[in-house]
Amino acid sequence: MKIVGTANLLRFKGDEAATRSVASWLRICESVKWDKFLDVRRQFPSADRVGECVVFDIRRNRYRLIAKIEFGIGLIRVVSLLTHAEYDRGGWKNACGC
């Protein structure tokens, strides 16, 4: 998959383990070709579809990575990377059509 919007990830200031988790997520996503959401769930069982987005748990759910996946063209658009508390406030939902 091609990933765009990684500037959101580069600004991430989480702990070292979270930074490694994000780097791992990037490596995995760059090396796969998903055709449907079920393919994502096979790779990341805790991923959830929320509106037009997919929410990935990072660092055992301490952070949430929110992305839009365009399966037909093999593109992942990173929307944001949030702490769990920031995620719970829900400000990200507008970007996902919720």
C-alpha atoms as a PDB file:
ATOM      1  CA  MET A   1       0.000   0.000   0.000  1.00  0.00           C
ATOM      2  CA  LYS A   2       1.115   3.560  -0.570  1.00  0.00           C
ATOM      3  CA  ILE A   3       0.894   5.738   2.543  1.00  0.00           C
ATOM      4  CA  VAL A   4       0.340   9.505   2.472  1.00  0.00           C
ATOM      5  CA  GLY A   5      -0.001  11.955   5.336  1.00  0.00           C
ATOM      6  CA  THR A   6       2.966  10.618   7.236  1.00  0.00           C
ATOM      7  CA  ALA A   7       3.804  14.157   8.398  1.00  0.00           C
ATOM      8  CA  ASN A   8       1.214  13.495  11.112  1.00  0.00           C
ATOM      9  CA  LEU A   9       3.331  10.561  12.230  1.00  0.00           C
ATOM     10  CA  LEU A  10       6.611  12.469  12.075  1.00  0.00           C
ATOM     11  CA  ARG A  11       5.245  15.039  14.546  1.00  0.00           C
ATOM     12  CA  PHE A  12       4.395  12.232  16.969  1.00  0.00           C
ATOM     13  CA  LYS A  13       6.046  12.681  20.355  1.00  0.00           C
ATOM     14  CA  GLY A  14       5.036   9.480  22.124  1.00  0.00           C
ATOM     15  CA  ASP A  15       7.249   7.250  24.197  1.00  0.00           C
ATOM     16  CA  GLU A  16       9.973   5.176  22.559  1.00  0.00           C
ATOM     17  CA  ALA A  17       7.888   1.992  22.493  1.00  0.00           C
ATOM     18  CA  ALA A  18       5.043   3.857  20.786  1.00  0.00           C
ATOM     19  CA  THR A  19       7.453   5.279  18.215  1.00  0.00           C
ATOM     20  CA  ARG A  20       8.628   1.730  17.455  1.00  0.00           C
ATOM     21  CA  SER A  21       4.994   0.592  17.166  1.00  0.00           C
ATOM     22  CA  VAL A  22       4.254   3.341  14.649  1.00  0.00           C
ATOM     23  CA  ALA A  23       7.382   2.416  12.656  1.00  0.00           C
ATOM     24  CA  SER A  24       6.261  -1.224  12.661  1.00  0.00           C
ATOM     25  CA  TRP A  25       2.770  -0.220  11.483  1.00  0.00           C
ATOM     26  CA  LEU A  26       4.347   1.741   8.615  1.00  0.00           C
ATOM     27  CA  ARG A  27       6.582  -1.178   7.557  1.00  0.00           C
ATOM     28  CA  ILE A  28       3.667  -3.600   7.570  1.00  0.00           C
ATOM     29  CA  CYS A  29       1.330  -1.298   5.675  1.00  0.00           C
ATOM     30  CA  GLU A  30       3.925  -0.486   3.020  1.00  0.00           C
ATOM     31  CA  SER A  31       4.457  -4.184   2.334  1.00  0.00           C
ATOM     32  CA  VAL A  32       0.829  -5.351   1.951  1.00  0.00           C
ATOM     33  CA  LYS A  33      -1.954  -5.022  -0.595  1.00  0.00           C
ATOM     34  CA  TRP A  34      -5.366  -4.988   1.027  1.00  0.00           C
ATOM     35  CA  ASP A  35      -8.468  -5.394  -1.118  1.00  0.00           C
ATOM     36  CA  LYS A  36     -11.067  -5.074   1.632  1.00  0.00           C
ATOM     37  CA  PHE A  37     -11.445  -4.317   5.331  1.00  0.00           C
ATOM     38  CA  LEU A  38     -11.356  -8.015   6.194  1.00  0.00           C
ATOM     39  CA  ASP A  39      -7.753  -8.073   4.919  1.00  0.00           C
ATOM     40  CA  VAL A  40      -6.899  -5.280   7.350  1.00  0.00           C
ATOM     41  CA  ARG A  41      -8.486  -7.229  10.231  1.00  0.00           C
ATOM     42  CA  ARG A  42      -6.416 -10.284   9.384  1.00  0.00           C
ATOM     43  CA  GLN A  43      -3.257  -8.193   9.777  1.00  0.00           C
ATOM     44  CA  PHE A  44      -4.507  -5.993  12.639  1.00  0.00           C
ATOM     45  CA  PRO A  45      -7.297  -7.831  14.531  1.00  0.00           C
ATOM     46  CA  SER A  46      -8.057  -4.832  16.764  1.00  0.00           C
ATOM     47  CA  ALA A  47      -8.614  -2.434  13.828  1.00  0.00           C
ATOM     48  CA  ASP A  48     -12.097  -0.927  13.687  1.00  0.00           C
ATOM     49  CA  ARG A  49     -13.995   0.754  10.897  1.00  0.00           C
ATOM     50  CA  VAL A  50     -15.467   4.064  12.046  1.00  0.00           C
ATOM     51  CA  GLY A  51     -17.308   6.018   9.399  1.00  0.00           C
ATOM     52  CA  GLU A  52     -14.981   6.386   6.418  1.00  0.00           C
ATOM     53  CA  CYS A  53     -11.894   5.605   8.524  1.00  0.00           C
ATOM     54  CA  VAL A  54     -10.060   2.689  10.039  1.00  0.00           C
ATOM     55  CA  VAL A  55      -8.820   3.084  13.611  1.00  0.00           C
ATOM     56  CA  PHE A  56      -5.689   1.175  14.609  1.00  0.00           C
ATOM     57  CA  ASP A  57      -4.599   0.606  18.205  1.00  0.00           C
ATOM     58  CA  ILE A  58      -0.989   1.610  18.779  1.00  0.00           C
ATOM     59  CA  ARG A  59       1.042   0.649  21.815  1.00  0.00           C
ATOM     60  CA  ARG A  60      -1.627  -1.547  23.395  1.00  0.00           C
ATOM     61  CA  ASN A  61      -4.374   1.011  22.878  1.00  0.00           C
ATOM     62  CA  ARG A  62      -2.511   3.963  24.425  1.00  0.00           C
ATOM     63  CA  TYR A  63      -2.643   5.684  21.036  1.00  0.00           C
ATOM     64  CA  ARG A  64      -5.016   5.556  18.094  1.00  0.00           C
ATOM     65  CA  LEU A  65      -3.895   5.873  14.501  1.00  0.00           C
ATOM     66  CA  ILE A  66      -6.734   6.990  12.266  1.00  0.00           C
ATOM     67  CA  ALA A  67      -6.513   6.429   8.523  1.00  0.00           C
ATOM     68  CA  LYS A  68      -8.656   6.366   5.420  1.00  0.00           C
ATOM     69  CA  ILE A  69      -7.986   3.401   3.168  1.00  0.00           C
ATOM     70  CA  GLU A  70      -8.783   3.497  -0.522  1.00  0.00           C
ATOM     71  CA  PHE A  71      -8.665  -0.199  -1.302  1.00  0.00           C
ATOM     72  CA  GLY A  72      -9.220   0.114  -5.047  1.00  0.00           C
ATOM     73  CA  ILE A  73      -6.075   2.156  -5.591  1.00  0.00           C
ATOM     74  CA  GLY A  74      -3.991   0.787  -2.704  1.00  0.00           C
ATOM     75  CA  LEU A  75      -3.731   4.036  -0.745  1.00  0.00           C
ATOM     76  CA  ILE A  76      -3.695   4.749   2.982  1.00  0.00           C
ATOM     77  CA  ARG A  77      -4.208   8.359   4.072  1.00  0.00           C
ATOM     78  CA  VAL A  78      -3.097   8.986   7.643  1.00  0.00           C
ATOM     79  CA  VAL A  79      -5.633  11.304   9.267  1.00  0.00           C
ATOM     80  CA  SER A  80      -4.099  11.565  12.731  1.00  0.00           C
ATOM     81  CA  LEU A  81      -2.319   9.844  15.565  1.00  0.00           C
ATOM     82  CA  LEU A  82      -3.873  10.597  18.933  1.00  0.00           C
ATOM     83  CA  THR A  83      -3.538   9.633  22.541  1.00  0.00           C
ATOM     84  CA  HIS A  84      -6.459   7.608  23.786  1.00  0.00           C
ATOM     85  CA  ALA A  85      -7.732  10.668  25.692  1.00  0.00           C
ATOM     86  CA  GLU A  86      -7.589  12.843  22.548  1.00  0.00           C
ATOM     87  CA  TYR A  87      -9.396  10.126  20.613  1.00  0.00           C
ATOM     88  CA  ASP A  88     -12.157   9.971  23.238  1.00  0.00           C
ATOM     89  CA  ARG A  89     -12.861  13.703  22.788  1.00  0.00           C
ATOM     90  CA  GLY A  90     -14.009  12.861  19.256  1.00  0.00           C
ATOM     91  CA  GLY A  91     -12.668  15.863  17.347  1.00  0.00           C
ATOM     92  CA  TRP A  92     -11.304  13.522  14.678  1.00  0.00           C
ATOM     93  CA  LYS A  93     -14.755  12.251  13.730  1.00  0.00           C
ATOM     94  CA  ASN A  94     -15.465  15.086  11.266  1.00  0.00           C
ATOM     95  CA  ALA A  95     -12.588  13.896   9.095  1.00  0.00           C
ATOM     96  CA  CYS A  96     -14.180  10.438   8.982  1.00  0.00           C
ATOM     97  CA  GLY A  97     -17.692  11.494   8.071  1.00  0.00           C
ATOM     98  CA  CYS A  98     -19.139  10.617  11.459  1.00  0.00           C
END
